[in-house]
Amino acid sequence: MNLTLARRDFLRSAATLAGAAAWPAWMPRLAFAPAQTAPRGDVLVVVFLRGAADVLNMVVPHGEAAYYAARPLLGIPRPDHASAPKAARTLDLDGFFGLHPALGGLLPAWQAGHLAIVHACGAPDESRSHFRAMELMERGVEDERGPASGWIGRHLATLNTDNRSPLRAIGLGPLTPRSLTGAVPAAALRSIGDFHLGGDARRLEHMRAALSALYAGAGPLEVVGRETLATLRALEGLDPAGYRPARDARYPESEFGLSLKQVAQLVKAEVGLEVAAVDLGGWDTHFAQGGSEGLMAGLLRDLGDGLAALHADLFDHADRLTVVVMSEFGRRLTENASLGTDHGHGSALFLLGGQVVGGQVHGRWPGLAEGQLVGPGDLAVTTDYRDVLAEVCLKRLNNPRLDEVFPGYAPNLPGVLRTAPWTATARPRRRSPAEPGPKTTPQPRQGRCGFRGTYPRPPC
């Protein structure tokens, strides 16, 4: 999709950004209080693994015998498996968990304390339907009765950072992700090279001069128009083809790698980017999933190498960058007859950034024994994904309005992020007198193998 802007399109975009666009009829009329005025927090990058990634082969519980009993062909060999090639073995993290060997590019971030994993994390929905699970997760709600807007959209609507950039929130791809929908416009783009004013050099100069004169006033539309022009000038100065990442970072030659590279360019260009949403699909591995090599290993290599390149490229910005990697649900423990895995329940969530409580697998591990699984044989969910996202909003995005970002839910923050110096205190959620208060969760303990939570004692 080419985003070359004619003058008429520019005027329409500026009007939309100034709030002139009508609120869609299908969107519920949420009664937001006036937006919280606050300094801008981190740049948030949300990577959604569409198709339900098999997290048991991503973050391997190699200290759990039940894992290998259920996956004699697809299981990733233990780190000390003498007969398996070293390149095929699990990369140990803490004596109990390890990374798939295709995620080896993330080890430097783990060792630097910039990568954390929340295992057995997911949503309460047990439909095991991709479309339902993705929709509810991107809306940040438990069922259809919640607001139709996205959780990121509500975050942006309840936080006033005095940022009027048309690139405050972007989705890399042809469509705007559901998580970004709401009252604050978000841009969907494939390439930043396509986001420019159209025409030859002489026509462009006339157009810029005319637009600058048009937006010389002090009204809200004029202010947004000038800021949009400034953003376009900044983007026109970027050269995606000639971009040289810092620290010799090498992005994969894939659509996912290109998306992350462009995120890095936008962060460095300081065009007002606050949130970027990036998709990586193909994770519905019912057939021929593969183990240490194969279909899923290729996806993991793209994911791991892309995130590793982003971490290296933006290392100097790491303290103001938070990356969240999530999927709609996990996959069944037992491999199927087609050498794949079927839809499951519990998943895992990755966090990458300079202020992550990293080098740890967080959460409460439920175990994989027969009596510990849920449904037809799935990993249980012990951490609601909204607990992690709420902590991101509060501690790194400077948004205390958790009761409006995740309405009807009282999060228990798992302690996976450090608090930014600008962070405000979360507002308690408003409850009716008859409604019980939030459940309390014991403070997780540091396990012998680095796992913050409870789990069967592994042979560390």
Protein backbone atom coordinates (compact mmCIF):
# COMPACT_ATOMS: atom_id res chain seq x y z
CA MET A 1 0.00 0.00 0.00
CA ASN A 2 1.48 3.34 -1.05
CA LEU A 3 0.98 6.15 1.43
CA THR A 4 2.04 8.99 -0.85
CA LEU A 5 0.04 12.00 0.31
CA ALA A 6 -1.68 14.47 -1.98
CA ARG A 7 -2.70 17.88 -0.56
CA ARG A 8 -6.33 16.76 -0.18
CA ASP A 9 -5.22 13.61 1.69
CA PHE A 10 -2.98 15.65 3.94
CA LEU A 11 -5.82 17.97 4.90
CA ARG A 12 -8.04 15.00 5.64
CA SER A 13 -5.32 13.36 7.77
CA ALA A 14 -4.71 16.50 9.76
CA ALA A 15 -8.42 16.93 10.42
CA THR A 16 -8.64 13.35 11.63
CA LEU A 17 -5.67 13.80 13.90
CA ALA A 18 -7.23 16.92 15.35
CA GLY A 19 -10.25 14.90 16.41
CA ALA A 20 -12.60 15.77 13.53
CA ALA A 21 -13.18 12.13 12.55
CA ALA A 22 -16.42 10.58 13.77
CA TRP A 23 -16.29 7.83 16.41
CA PRO A 24 -17.30 4.55 14.68
CA ALA A 25 -20.91 3.55 15.35
CA TRP A 26 -19.91 0.03 16.38
CA MET A 27 -17.51 1.31 19.07
CA PRO A 28 -19.00 1.58 22.57
CA ARG A 29 -19.12 5.07 24.10
CA LEU A 30 -16.62 4.62 26.91
CA ALA A 31 -16.77 7.44 29.42
CA PHE A 32 -13.09 8.31 29.80
CA ALA A 33 -12.16 10.92 32.34
CA PRO A 34 -9.91 13.70 31.00
CA ALA A 35 -6.67 12.14 29.78
CA GLN A 36 -3.84 11.89 32.28
CA THR A 37 -1.23 14.55 31.46
CA ALA A 38 2.19 13.01 31.93
CA PRO A 39 5.67 12.79 30.42
CA ARG A 40 6.08 10.27 27.65
CA GLY A 41 7.23 6.82 28.78
CA ASP A 42 9.03 4.08 26.89
CA VAL A 43 8.60 3.23 23.26
CA LEU A 44 6.50 0.06 23.35
CA VAL A 45 6.90 -2.59 20.65
CA VAL A 46 4.29 -5.37 20.72
CA VAL A 47 5.10 -8.47 18.67
CA PHE A 48 2.12 -10.80 18.19
CA LEU A 49 2.86 -14.39 17.17
CA ARG A 50 -0.31 -15.24 15.26
CA GLY A 51 -1.37 -18.87 15.10
CA ALA A 52 -0.63 -19.94 18.70
CA ALA A 53 3.08 -20.54 19.15
CA ASP A 54 4.23 -23.74 20.85
CA VAL A 55 5.88 -22.19 23.88
CA LEU A 56 6.82 -25.59 25.34
CA ASN A 57 9.32 -25.91 22.49
CA MET A 58 10.30 -22.23 22.70
CA VAL A 59 11.01 -22.15 26.44
CA VAL A 60 11.68 -25.82 27.10
CA PRO A 61 11.05 -27.25 30.60
CA HIS A 62 13.97 -29.65 30.19
CA GLY A 63 13.91 -30.44 33.92
CA GLU A 64 10.43 -31.95 33.58
CA ALA A 65 10.34 -35.65 32.64
CA ALA A 66 6.70 -35.42 31.52
CA TYR A 67 7.73 -33.10 28.67
CA TYR A 68 9.94 -35.75 27.07
CA ALA A 69 7.45 -38.55 27.73
CA ALA A 70 4.78 -36.59 25.82
CA ARG A 71 7.11 -35.56 22.97
CA PRO A 72 9.38 -38.45 22.01
CA LEU A 73 9.90 -37.04 18.49
CA LEU A 74 9.31 -33.29 18.81
CA GLY A 75 10.96 -32.69 22.19
CA ILE A 76 14.12 -30.56 22.16
CA PRO A 77 17.03 -32.57 23.64
CA ARG A 78 18.28 -31.67 27.10
CA PRO A 79 21.36 -29.44 27.33
CA ASP A 80 23.41 -32.44 28.52
CA HIS A 81 22.02 -34.98 26.03
CA ALA A 82 25.27 -36.69 25.03
CA SER A 83 24.02 -38.38 21.85
CA ALA A 84 22.31 -35.29 20.39
CA PRO A 85 24.36 -32.82 18.32
CA LYS A 86 25.25 -29.79 20.40
CA ALA A 87 23.52 -27.49 17.92
CA ALA A 88 20.25 -29.39 18.47
CA ARG A 89 20.21 -29.21 22.27
CA THR A 90 18.23 -26.89 24.51
CA LEU A 91 20.14 -23.75 25.53
CA ASP A 92 20.00 -23.87 29.33
CA LEU A 93 18.77 -20.77 31.15
CA ASP A 94 18.48 -21.75 34.80
CA GLY A 95 18.83 -25.51 35.20
CA PHE A 96 15.14 -26.19 34.59
CA PHE A 97 14.15 -24.07 31.57
CA GLY A 98 16.02 -23.47 28.35
CA LEU A 99 15.59 -21.82 24.96
CA HIS A 100 15.07 -23.59 21.66
CA PRO A 101 18.47 -23.61 19.88
CA ALA A 102 17.04 -21.40 17.10
CA LEU A 103 16.60 -18.64 19.71
CA GLY A 104 20.31 -18.56 20.48
CA GLY A 105 20.52 -14.98 19.24
CA LEU A 106 18.66 -13.90 22.39
CA LEU A 107 21.23 -15.28 24.83
CA PRO A 108 23.26 -12.02 24.98
CA ALA A 109 20.10 -10.10 25.98
CA TRP A 110 19.32 -12.76 28.61
CA GLN A 111 22.85 -12.60 30.01
CA ALA A 112 22.69 -8.79 30.08
CA GLY A 113 19.50 -8.97 32.16
CA HIS A 114 17.46 -7.41 29.35
CA LEU A 115 15.27 -10.45 28.58
CA ALA A 116 12.63 -11.96 30.86
CA ILE A 117 10.08 -14.70 30.27
CA VAL A 118 6.74 -15.18 32.00
CA HIS A 119 5.86 -18.86 31.55
CA ALA A 120 2.39 -20.39 31.95
CA CYS A 121 0.99 -16.97 31.02
CA GLY A 122 -2.18 -16.46 29.02
CA ALA A 123 -5.84 -15.53 28.91
CA PRO A 124 -8.78 -17.02 30.83
CA ASP A 125 -10.55 -17.81 27.53
CA GLU A 126 -10.52 -21.58 26.90
CA SER A 127 -12.23 -21.63 23.51
CA ARG A 128 -8.99 -22.60 21.73
CA SER A 129 -10.27 -20.59 18.77
CA HIS A 130 -7.64 -18.42 17.08
CA PHE A 131 -10.04 -15.67 16.07
CA ARG A 132 -11.87 -15.41 19.38
CA ALA A 133 -8.68 -15.63 21.44
CA MET A 134 -6.82 -13.02 19.38
CA GLU A 135 -9.75 -10.63 19.41
CA LEU A 136 -10.27 -10.82 23.17
CA MET A 137 -6.54 -10.56 23.89
CA GLU A 138 -6.04 -7.53 21.65
CA ARG A 139 -9.06 -5.88 23.23
CA GLY A 140 -7.69 -6.74 26.68
CA VAL A 141 -11.02 -8.15 27.84
CA GLU A 142 -12.32 -11.45 29.18
CA ASP A 143 -15.40 -11.83 26.98
CA GLU A 144 -17.55 -10.08 24.38
CA ARG A 145 -19.15 -7.81 26.97
CA GLY A 146 -15.98 -5.73 27.26
CA PRO A 147 -15.24 -2.62 25.17
CA ALA A 148 -14.57 -3.18 21.48
CA SER A 149 -11.56 -0.83 21.39
CA GLY A 150 -8.04 -2.20 21.77
CA TRP A 151 -6.10 -2.11 25.02
CA ILE A 152 -3.35 0.01 23.43
CA GLY A 153 -5.98 2.32 21.98
CA ARG A 154 -7.42 2.85 25.47
CA HIS A 155 -3.94 3.42 26.88
CA LEU A 156 -3.33 6.16 24.32
CA ALA A 157 -6.77 7.69 24.92
CA THR A 158 -6.22 7.96 28.68
CA LEU A 159 -2.68 9.38 28.57
CA ASN A 160 -1.98 12.88 27.29
CA THR A 161 1.71 13.21 26.45
CA ASP A 162 1.21 16.37 24.34
CA ASN A 163 2.33 14.25 21.39
CA ARG A 164 0.39 15.06 18.21
CA SER A 165 2.61 13.15 15.82
CA PRO A 166 0.73 11.13 13.18
CA LEU A 167 3.18 8.35 14.02
CA ARG A 168 2.39 8.21 17.74
CA ALA A 169 1.07 4.65 17.18
CA ILE A 170 1.75 2.49 14.13
CA GLY A 171 1.03 -1.00 12.92
CA LEU A 172 3.63 -2.43 10.56
CA GLY A 173 1.56 -4.06 7.83
CA PRO A 174 -1.46 -3.45 5.60
CA LEU A 175 -4.04 -3.35 8.40
CA THR A 176 -4.25 -1.65 11.78
CA PRO A 177 -4.10 -4.31 14.55
CA ARG A 178 -7.19 -4.54 16.75
CA SER A 179 -5.12 -3.60 19.80
CA LEU A 180 -4.54 -0.10 18.34
CA THR A 181 -8.19 0.71 17.60
CA GLY A 182 -9.82 3.50 19.56
CA ALA A 183 -10.20 7.25 19.79
CA VAL A 184 -6.54 8.00 18.97
CA PRO A 185 -5.73 7.43 15.27
CA ALA A 186 -3.05 4.86 14.47
CA ALA A 187 -1.22 4.52 11.16
CA ALA A 188 -0.81 1.25 9.26
CA LEU A 189 2.19 1.21 6.95
CA ARG A 190 4.36 -1.37 5.23
CA SER A 191 7.30 0.93 4.61
CA ILE A 192 8.30 4.32 5.95
CA GLY A 193 9.63 5.02 2.46
CA ASP A 194 6.04 5.24 1.22
CA PHE A 195 5.00 7.87 3.78
CA HIS A 196 5.71 11.13 1.98
CA LEU A 197 4.21 13.98 -0.02
CA GLY A 198 3.93 13.09 -3.70
CA GLY A 199 5.24 15.02 -6.69
CA ASP A 200 8.47 16.29 -8.23
CA ALA A 201 10.86 18.56 -6.32
CA ARG A 202 9.43 21.84 -7.65
CA ARG A 203 5.84 20.81 -6.92
CA LEU A 204 6.84 19.62 -3.46
CA GLU A 205 8.33 23.01 -2.57
CA HIS A 206 5.15 24.79 -3.62
CA MET A 207 3.03 22.30 -1.68
CA ARG A 208 5.12 22.65 1.50
CA ALA A 209 5.00 26.44 1.28
CA ALA A 210 1.23 26.42 0.75
CA LEU A 211 0.66 23.99 3.64
CA SER A 212 2.95 25.95 5.95
CA ALA A 213 0.99 29.13 5.21
CA LEU A 214 -2.30 27.29 5.64
CA TYR A 215 -1.29 26.04 9.09
CA ALA A 216 0.29 29.26 10.37
CA GLY A 217 -2.52 29.87 12.88
CA ALA A 218 -2.77 28.89 16.54
CA GLY A 219 -5.86 26.64 16.43
CA PRO A 220 -5.74 22.88 17.13
CA LEU A 221 -6.01 21.94 13.44
CA GLU A 222 -3.16 24.30 12.55
CA VAL A 223 -0.96 22.90 15.34
CA VAL A 224 -1.55 19.32 14.20
CA GLY A 225 -0.97 20.32 10.58
CA ARG A 226 2.42 21.84 11.39
CA GLU A 227 3.44 18.80 13.43
CA THR A 228 2.35 16.48 10.62
CA LEU A 229 4.44 18.50 8.17
CA ALA A 230 7.43 18.29 10.50
CA THR A 231 6.98 14.52 10.79
CA LEU A 232 6.82 14.16 7.01
CA ARG A 233 10.03 16.19 6.64
CA ALA A 234 11.75 13.92 9.16
CA LEU A 235 10.57 10.80 7.33
CA GLU A 236 11.65 12.16 3.96
CA GLY A 237 15.12 12.53 5.42
CA LEU A 238 15.27 8.83 6.21
CA ASP A 239 16.74 6.37 3.74
CA PRO A 240 15.41 2.87 4.51
CA ALA A 241 17.57 1.27 1.82
CA GLY A 242 20.74 2.96 3.07
CA TYR A 243 20.11 2.53 6.80
CA ARG A 244 23.09 1.17 8.75
CA PRO A 245 22.11 -0.36 12.12
CA ALA A 246 24.29 0.34 15.14
CA ARG A 247 26.64 -2.24 16.64
CA ASP A 248 26.70 -4.23 13.38
CA ALA A 249 23.20 -5.51 14.10
CA ARG A 250 21.92 -7.79 11.34
CA TYR A 251 18.18 -7.97 10.83
CA PRO A 252 16.75 -11.04 9.06
CA GLU A 253 16.00 -10.56 5.36
CA SER A 254 12.31 -11.13 6.02
CA GLU A 255 9.17 -9.03 6.36
CA PHE A 256 9.49 -9.33 10.13
CA GLY A 257 13.14 -8.24 10.07
CA LEU A 258 12.28 -5.28 7.83
CA SER A 259 9.50 -4.22 10.21
CA LEU A 260 11.80 -4.23 13.23
CA LYS A 261 14.49 -2.36 11.32
CA GLN A 262 11.99 0.37 10.47
CA VAL A 263 10.89 0.57 14.11
CA ALA A 264 14.53 1.21 15.04
CA GLN A 265 14.80 3.94 12.40
CA LEU A 266 11.68 5.67 13.69
CA VAL A 267 12.90 5.51 17.29
CA LYS A 268 16.21 7.11 16.32
CA ALA A 269 14.51 9.74 14.13
CA GLU A 270 12.46 10.93 17.14
CA VAL A 271 9.26 11.37 15.13
CA GLY A 272 7.01 10.90 18.18
CA LEU A 273 6.65 7.13 18.03
CA GLU A 274 5.18 5.72 21.26
CA VAL A 275 3.78 2.33 20.21
CA ALA A 276 4.56 -0.03 17.33
CA ALA A 277 2.68 -3.27 16.67
CA VAL A 278 4.37 -5.97 14.58
CA ASP A 279 2.94 -9.35 13.56
CA LEU A 280 4.73 -12.62 12.85
CA GLY A 281 2.40 -15.34 11.57
CA GLY A 282 2.62 -19.03 10.71
CA TRP A 283 2.58 -20.59 14.20
CA ASP A 284 -0.40 -22.95 13.73
CA THR A 285 1.81 -26.04 13.53
CA HIS A 286 -0.62 -28.97 13.40
CA PHE A 287 1.54 -30.77 10.83
CA ALA A 288 5.30 -31.34 10.48
CA GLN A 289 6.21 -28.86 13.20
CA GLY A 290 9.74 -30.14 13.57
CA GLY A 291 11.94 -30.19 16.63
CA SER A 292 15.39 -28.62 16.74
CA GLU A 293 15.07 -28.11 12.97
CA GLY A 294 12.09 -27.76 10.67
CA LEU A 295 9.13 -25.43 10.22
CA MET A 296 8.92 -23.97 13.71
CA ALA A 297 12.70 -23.68 14.03
CA GLY A 298 12.69 -21.39 10.99
CA LEU A 299 10.04 -19.17 12.56
CA LEU A 300 11.96 -19.07 15.83
CA ARG A 301 15.16 -18.13 14.05
CA ASP A 302 13.40 -15.23 12.35
CA LEU A 303 11.92 -14.14 15.69
CA GLY A 304 15.10 -14.53 17.75
CA ASP A 305 17.47 -12.99 15.23
CA GLY A 306 15.08 -10.09 14.62
CA LEU A 307 14.70 -9.30 18.32
CA ALA A 308 18.45 -9.70 18.88
CA ALA A 309 19.16 -7.21 16.08
CA LEU A 310 16.64 -4.73 17.49
CA HIS A 311 18.21 -5.07 20.95
CA ALA A 312 21.71 -4.45 19.58
CA ASP A 313 20.65 -1.64 17.24
CA LEU A 314 18.76 0.23 20.00
CA PHE A 315 21.11 -0.68 22.84
CA ASP A 316 21.77 3.00 23.56
CA HIS A 317 17.98 3.49 23.84
CA ALA A 318 17.36 0.32 25.86
CA ASP A 319 16.29 2.11 29.04
CA ARG A 320 13.38 3.71 27.16
CA LEU A 321 12.38 0.66 25.11
CA THR A 322 10.07 -2.20 26.12
CA VAL A 323 9.30 -5.08 23.76
CA VAL A 324 6.46 -7.50 24.50
CA VAL A 325 6.13 -10.80 22.60
CA MET A 326 2.83 -12.65 22.97
CA SER A 327 0.60 -15.25 21.30
CA GLU A 328 -3.11 -16.00 21.60
CA PHE A 329 -2.61 -19.36 23.39
CA GLY A 330 -0.18 -22.25 23.56
CA ARG A 331 -0.30 -25.78 22.21
CA ARG A 332 -1.06 -29.21 23.63
CA LEU A 333 1.65 -30.98 25.57
CA THR A 334 1.41 -34.27 23.64
CA GLU A 335 2.61 -34.35 20.03
CA ASN A 336 0.02 -35.56 17.51
CA ALA A 337 0.16 -38.29 14.86
CA SER A 338 1.05 -35.72 12.17
CA LEU A 339 4.24 -34.72 14.01
CA GLY A 340 2.68 -31.46 15.08
CA THR A 341 0.86 -30.07 18.10
CA ASP A 342 -2.79 -29.12 18.51
CA HIS A 343 -4.39 -26.09 20.14
CA GLY A 344 -3.65 -25.75 23.83
CA HIS A 345 -4.12 -23.20 26.60
CA GLY A 346 -1.17 -21.82 28.58
CA SER A 347 1.43 -19.78 26.72
CA ALA A 348 4.44 -17.60 27.58
CA LEU A 349 5.22 -13.92 27.27
CA PHE A 350 8.65 -12.43 26.48
CA LEU A 351 9.83 -9.02 27.69
CA LEU A 352 12.88 -7.29 26.22
CA GLY A 353 14.33 -3.96 27.33
CA GLY A 354 16.82 -2.20 29.55
CA GLN A 355 14.43 -1.95 32.52
CA VAL A 356 13.19 -5.54 32.45
CA VAL A 357 13.86 -7.70 35.52
CA GLY A 358 15.70 -10.01 33.19
CA GLY A 359 17.75 -13.17 33.26
CA GLN A 360 14.79 -14.89 34.95
CA VAL A 361 11.79 -17.02 34.09
CA HIS A 362 8.93 -15.50 36.07
CA GLY A 363 5.60 -16.92 37.16
CA ARG A 364 4.28 -20.01 38.91
CA TRP A 365 5.06 -23.18 37.02
CA PRO A 366 2.03 -25.51 37.22
CA GLY A 367 3.82 -28.67 36.10
CA LEU A 368 3.11 -31.09 33.26
CA ALA A 369 2.05 -34.21 35.16
CA GLU A 370 -1.35 -35.68 34.35
CA GLY A 371 -3.11 -34.10 37.31
CA GLN A 372 -1.54 -30.69 36.63
CA LEU A 373 -2.73 -30.23 33.04
CA VAL A 374 -6.02 -28.58 32.09
CA GLY A 375 -8.60 -29.44 29.44
CA PRO A 376 -7.59 -32.21 27.04
CA GLY A 377 -3.95 -32.04 28.17
CA ASP A 378 -2.73 -28.45 28.16
CA LEU A 379 -0.39 -26.25 30.16
CA ALA A 380 -2.38 -24.34 32.78
CA VAL A 381 -2.42 -20.53 32.93
CA THR A 382 -1.11 -19.21 36.26
CA THR A 383 -0.43 -15.58 35.22
CA ASP A 384 -3.05 -13.56 33.37
CA TYR A 385 -1.44 -11.74 30.44
CA ARG A 386 -3.20 -8.53 31.57
CA ASP A 387 -1.14 -8.58 34.76
CA VAL A 388 2.01 -8.17 32.67
CA LEU A 389 0.54 -5.61 30.27
CA ALA A 390 -0.83 -3.59 33.19
CA GLU A 391 2.65 -3.48 34.70
CA VAL A 392 4.02 -2.28 31.35
CA CYS A 393 1.41 0.50 31.28
CA LEU A 394 2.03 1.60 34.85
CA LYS A 395 5.80 1.27 35.24
CA ARG A 396 7.10 1.93 31.73
CA LEU A 397 4.37 3.90 29.90
CA ASN A 398 3.53 6.17 32.84
CA ASN A 399 -0.18 5.39 32.70
CA PRO A 400 -1.88 4.79 36.08
CA ARG A 401 -5.36 4.52 34.54
CA LEU A 402 -5.35 0.72 34.63
CA ASP A 403 -9.05 0.63 35.49
CA GLU A 404 -9.81 2.18 32.09
CA VAL A 405 -7.17 0.38 30.04
CA PHE A 406 -8.36 -2.99 31.42
CA PRO A 407 -11.92 -2.26 32.60
CA GLY A 408 -13.42 -4.77 35.00
CA TYR A 409 -10.06 -6.35 35.82
CA ALA A 410 -7.90 -5.81 38.91
CA PRO A 411 -4.34 -6.79 37.94
CA ASN A 412 -1.77 -8.40 40.20
CA LEU A 413 1.54 -6.97 39.01
CA PRO A 414 4.11 -9.80 38.73
CA GLY A 415 7.21 -7.64 39.27
CA VAL A 416 8.85 -8.16 35.88
CA LEU A 417 9.74 -4.50 35.25
CA ARG A 418 11.56 -1.75 37.09
CA THR A 419 9.65 1.41 37.89
CA ALA A 420 10.54 4.44 35.81
CA PRO A 421 11.33 7.63 37.78
CA TRP A 422 8.36 9.41 36.18
CA THR A 423 5.80 6.72 37.05
CA ALA A 424 2.59 7.68 38.85
CA THR A 425 0.65 5.51 41.28
CA ALA A 426 -2.05 3.28 39.85
CA ARG A 427 -5.60 4.29 40.59
CA PRO A 428 -7.65 1.65 42.37
CA ARG A 429 -10.43 0.24 40.24
CA ARG A 430 -13.90 1.49 41.13
CA ARG A 431 -16.09 -1.31 42.50
CA SER A 432 -19.68 -1.62 43.57
CA PRO A 433 -20.19 -2.18 47.32
CA ALA A 434 -21.30 -5.76 46.70
CA GLU A 435 -18.28 -6.66 44.58
CA PRO A 436 -15.44 -8.53 46.32
CA GLY A 437 -12.00 -7.01 46.33
CA PRO A 438 -9.11 -8.29 44.23
CA LYS A 439 -7.55 -11.60 45.04
CA THR A 440 -4.12 -11.48 46.60
CA THR A 441 -1.14 -13.40 45.29
CA PRO A 442 1.78 -14.44 47.52
CA GLN A 443 5.08 -12.80 46.63
CA PRO A 444 6.89 -15.21 44.31
CA ARG A 445 10.06 -16.71 45.67
CA GLN A 446 13.37 -17.14 43.95
CA GLY A 447 13.81 -20.81 43.10
CA ARG A 448 17.01 -22.76 43.09
CA CYS A 449 17.22 -22.57 39.30
CA GLY A 450 16.27 -18.90 38.96
CA PHE A 451 12.55 -19.50 38.43
CA ARG A 452 10.53 -16.96 40.38
CA GLY A 453 7.63 -19.01 41.58
CA THR A 454 6.73 -22.56 42.51
CA TYR A 455 7.62 -25.64 40.52
CA PRO A 456 8.61 -29.28 41.05
CA ARG A 457 12.18 -29.31 42.31
CA PRO A 458 14.33 -29.75 39.20
CA PRO A 459 17.61 -31.67 39.20
CA CYS A 460 19.76 -28.51 39.07
